[in-house]
Amino acid sequence: MWTLVWVQLLVLAAYSYAVVAYLITDADYFPEQAPPAWSWPAVVAVGVGFIPALLCLLVALPLLASADFRAEQPRWRLLAMVTAASIAMLLVMATPPGWELLDWYVG
C-alpha cells in the first residue's frame, strides 16, 4: 500500500510543480530546444506521468473496492485520497489546459 501512495504522491508533486512553473514562467524565456534544468521533473511528469499514475490506479482501485483490504489496513483512506487526486490529475491531463501544458513542456 505504501508504495502505491508514494508513487502517486511523487507523480502528483511533479505535475503540480509543472503547473505552478507554467503559470509563473514567461513563455518567451523558456527555450524549446533545451529546457532549463529546473524543469526536468515537470517535463517527465507531464510527458510520461500518466503511465505510473494509470498503473497505480489499476492496482489501487481493486484494493480499495475490497472490504477485506479496508478491514486490514487502518490507513486505507490515505490511499483513497491519493488515488482520487491521481484521478483528478489524469482528468486534467485529458483536457485542453492539460494538452497546452504538454505542448509547452514536451512540444
C-alpha atoms as a PDB file:
ATOM      1  CA  MET A   1       0.000   0.000   0.000  1.00  0.00           C
ATOM      2  CA  TRP A   2       2.739   2.454   0.882  1.00  0.00           C
ATOM      3  CA  THR A   3       4.441   2.005  -2.470  1.00  0.00           C
ATOM      4  CA  LEU A   4       1.214   2.987  -4.222  1.00  0.00           C
ATOM      5  CA  VAL A   5       0.861   6.036  -2.002  1.00  0.00           C
ATOM      6  CA  TRP A   6       4.449   7.196  -2.510  1.00  0.00           C
ATOM      7  CA  VAL A   7       4.496   6.695  -6.270  1.00  0.00           C
ATOM      8  CA  GLN A   8       1.221   8.568  -6.691  1.00  0.00           C
ATOM      9  CA  LEU A   9       2.400  11.361  -4.387  1.00  0.00           C
ATOM     10  CA  LEU A  10       5.635  11.701  -6.344  1.00  0.00           C
ATOM     11  CA  VAL A  11       3.811  11.974  -9.671  1.00  0.00           C
ATOM     12  CA  LEU A  12       1.259  14.390  -8.190  1.00  0.00           C
ATOM     13  CA  ALA A  13       4.002  16.587  -6.727  1.00  0.00           C
ATOM     14  CA  ALA A  14       5.926  16.696 -10.005  1.00  0.00           C
ATOM     15  CA  TYR A  15       2.774  17.502 -12.004  1.00  0.00           C
ATOM     16  CA  SER A  16       1.780  20.202  -9.511  1.00  0.00           C
ATOM     17  CA  TYR A  17       5.288  21.615  -9.836  1.00  0.00           C
ATOM     18  CA  ALA A  18       4.805  21.634 -13.621  1.00  0.00           C
ATOM     19  CA  VAL A  19       1.533  23.530 -13.327  1.00  0.00           C
ATOM     20  CA  VAL A  20       2.966  26.141 -10.954  1.00  0.00           C
ATOM     21  CA  ALA A  21       6.099  26.589 -13.061  1.00  0.00           C
ATOM     22  CA  TYR A  22       3.970  27.015 -16.176  1.00  0.00           C
ATOM     23  CA  LEU A  23       1.813  29.646 -14.509  1.00  0.00           C
ATOM     24  CA  ILE A  24       4.706  31.737 -13.176  1.00  0.00           C
ATOM     25  CA  THR A  25       7.223  31.389 -16.042  1.00  0.00           C
ATOM     26  CA  ASP A  26       7.175  33.695 -19.005  1.00  0.00           C
ATOM     27  CA  ALA A  27       6.978  31.583 -22.165  1.00  0.00           C
ATOM     28  CA  ASP A  28       9.386  33.908 -24.003  1.00  0.00           C
ATOM     29  CA  TYR A  29      12.206  32.922 -21.642  1.00  0.00           C
ATOM     30  CA  PHE A  30      11.616  29.180 -21.895  1.00  0.00           C
ATOM     31  CA  PRO A  31      13.803  27.715 -24.666  1.00  0.00           C
ATOM     32  CA  GLU A  32      12.050  24.996 -26.666  1.00  0.00           C
ATOM     33  CA  GLN A  33      15.125  23.064 -27.746  1.00  0.00           C
ATOM     34  CA  ALA A  34      16.777  22.780 -24.333  1.00  0.00           C
ATOM     35  CA  PRO A  35      14.533  23.190 -21.290  1.00  0.00           C
ATOM     36  CA  PRO A  36      16.334  24.525 -18.222  1.00  0.00           C
ATOM     37  CA  ALA A  37      17.454  22.073 -15.545  1.00  0.00           C
ATOM     38  CA  TRP A  38      14.743  23.172 -13.096  1.00  0.00           C
ATOM     39  CA  SER A  39      12.046  21.991 -15.494  1.00  0.00           C
ATOM     40  CA  TRP A  40      13.093  18.365 -15.972  1.00  0.00           C
ATOM     41  CA  PRO A  41      10.886  16.965 -13.177  1.00  0.00           C
ATOM     42  CA  ALA A  42       7.979  18.810 -14.772  1.00  0.00           C
ATOM     43  CA  VAL A  43       8.882  17.583 -18.265  1.00  0.00           C
ATOM     44  CA  VAL A  44       8.949  13.975 -17.064  1.00  0.00           C
ATOM     45  CA  ALA A  45       5.699  14.318 -15.105  1.00  0.00           C
ATOM     46  CA  VAL A  46       3.857  15.950 -17.989  1.00  0.00           C
ATOM     47  CA  GLY A  47       5.317  13.679 -20.656  1.00  0.00           C
ATOM     48  CA  VAL A  48       5.083  10.238 -19.045  1.00  0.00           C
ATOM     49  CA  GLY A  49       3.489  10.818 -15.634  1.00  0.00           C
ATOM     50  CA  PHE A  50       0.247   9.274 -16.800  1.00  0.00           C
ATOM     51  CA  ILE A  51       1.904   5.842 -17.110  1.00  0.00           C
ATOM     52  CA  PRO A  52       2.771   5.298 -13.416  1.00  0.00           C
ATOM     53  CA  ALA A  53      -0.473   7.033 -12.437  1.00  0.00           C
ATOM     54  CA  LEU A  54      -2.536   4.611 -14.530  1.00  0.00           C
ATOM     55  CA  LEU A  55      -0.579   1.605 -13.257  1.00  0.00           C
ATOM     56  CA  CYS A  56      -1.148   2.699  -9.667  1.00  0.00           C
ATOM     57  CA  LEU A  57      -4.854   3.140 -10.380  1.00  0.00           C
ATOM     58  CA  LEU A  58      -5.051  -0.346 -11.847  1.00  0.00           C
ATOM     59  CA  VAL A  59      -3.685  -1.721  -8.569  1.00  0.00           C
ATOM     60  CA  ALA A  60      -5.288   0.688  -6.091  1.00  0.00           C
ATOM     61  CA  LEU A  61      -8.891   0.623  -7.290  1.00  0.00           C
ATOM     62  CA  PRO A  62      -9.388  -3.149  -6.816  1.00  0.00           C
ATOM     63  CA  LEU A  63      -7.733  -2.904  -3.408  1.00  0.00           C
ATOM     64  CA  LEU A  64      -9.997  -0.070  -2.354  1.00  0.00           C
ATOM     65  CA  ALA A  65     -13.032  -1.989  -3.584  1.00  0.00           C
ATOM     66  CA  SER A  66     -12.108  -4.936  -1.351  1.00  0.00           C
ATOM     67  CA  ALA A  67     -13.776  -4.951   2.065  1.00  0.00           C
ATOM     68  CA  ASP A  68     -11.040  -7.256   3.373  1.00  0.00           C
ATOM     69  CA  PHE A  69      -8.328  -4.759   2.415  1.00  0.00           C
ATOM     70  CA  ARG A  70     -10.173  -1.896   4.092  1.00  0.00           C
ATOM     71  CA  ALA A  71     -10.621  -4.001   7.243  1.00  0.00           C
ATOM     72  CA  GLU A  72      -6.926  -4.974   7.361  1.00  0.00           C
ATOM     73  CA  GLN A  73      -5.466  -1.535   6.557  1.00  0.00           C
ATOM     74  CA  PRO A  74      -6.338   1.132   9.105  1.00  0.00           C
ATOM     75  CA  ARG A  75      -4.953   3.842   6.795  1.00  0.00           C
ATOM     76  CA  TRP A  76      -6.776   2.864   3.615  1.00  0.00           C
ATOM     77  CA  ARG A  77      -8.334   6.337   3.477  1.00  0.00           C
ATOM     78  CA  LEU A  78      -4.913   7.816   2.719  1.00  0.00           C
ATOM     79  CA  LEU A  79      -4.654   5.553  -0.317  1.00  0.00           C
ATOM     80  CA  ALA A  80      -8.192   6.547  -1.299  1.00  0.00           C
ATOM     81  CA  MET A  81      -7.377  10.278  -1.099  1.00  0.00           C
ATOM     82  CA  VAL A  82      -4.163   9.960  -3.100  1.00  0.00           C
ATOM     83  CA  THR A  83      -5.915   7.792  -5.676  1.00  0.00           C
ATOM     84  CA  ALA A  84      -8.697  10.362  -6.016  1.00  0.00           C
ATOM     85  CA  ALA A  85      -6.087  13.080  -6.540  1.00  0.00           C
ATOM     86  CA  SER A  86      -4.422  10.933  -9.217  1.00  0.00           C
ATOM     87  CA  ILE A  87      -7.755  10.519 -10.979  1.00  0.00           C
ATOM     88  CA  ALA A  88      -8.207  14.303 -10.897  1.00  0.00           C
ATOM     89  CA  MET A  89      -4.694  14.781 -12.307  1.00  0.00           C
ATOM     90  CA  LEU A  90      -5.411  12.344 -15.141  1.00  0.00           C
ATOM     91  CA  LEU A  91      -8.651  14.167 -15.920  1.00  0.00           C
ATOM     92  CA  VAL A  92      -6.761  17.481 -16.081  1.00  0.00           C
ATOM     93  CA  MET A  93      -4.192  15.872 -18.382  1.00  0.00           C
ATOM     94  CA  ALA A  94      -7.010  14.902 -20.754  1.00  0.00           C
ATOM     95  CA  THR A  95      -8.431  18.432 -21.038  1.00  0.00           C
ATOM     96  CA  PRO A  96      -7.309  21.292 -23.309  1.00  0.00           C
ATOM     97  CA  PRO A  97      -5.340  23.004 -20.465  1.00  0.00           C
ATOM     98  CA  GLY A  98      -3.522  19.709 -19.897  1.00  0.00           C
ATOM     99  CA  TRP A  99      -2.734  19.470 -23.606  1.00  0.00           C
ATOM    100  CA  GLU A 100      -1.438  23.037 -23.555  1.00  0.00           C
ATOM    101  CA  LEU A 101       0.814  22.135 -20.626  1.00  0.00           C
ATOM    102  CA  LEU A 102       2.061  19.065 -22.511  1.00  0.00           C
ATOM    103  CA  ASP A 103       2.740  21.157 -25.601  1.00  0.00           C
ATOM    104  CA  TRP A 104       4.628  23.754 -23.572  1.00  0.00           C
ATOM    105  CA  TYR A 105       6.902  21.243 -21.864  1.00  0.00           C
ATOM    106  CA  VAL A 106       7.258  18.488 -24.427  1.00  0.00           C
ATOM    107  CA  GLY A 107       6.272  20.079 -27.737  1.00  0.00           C
END
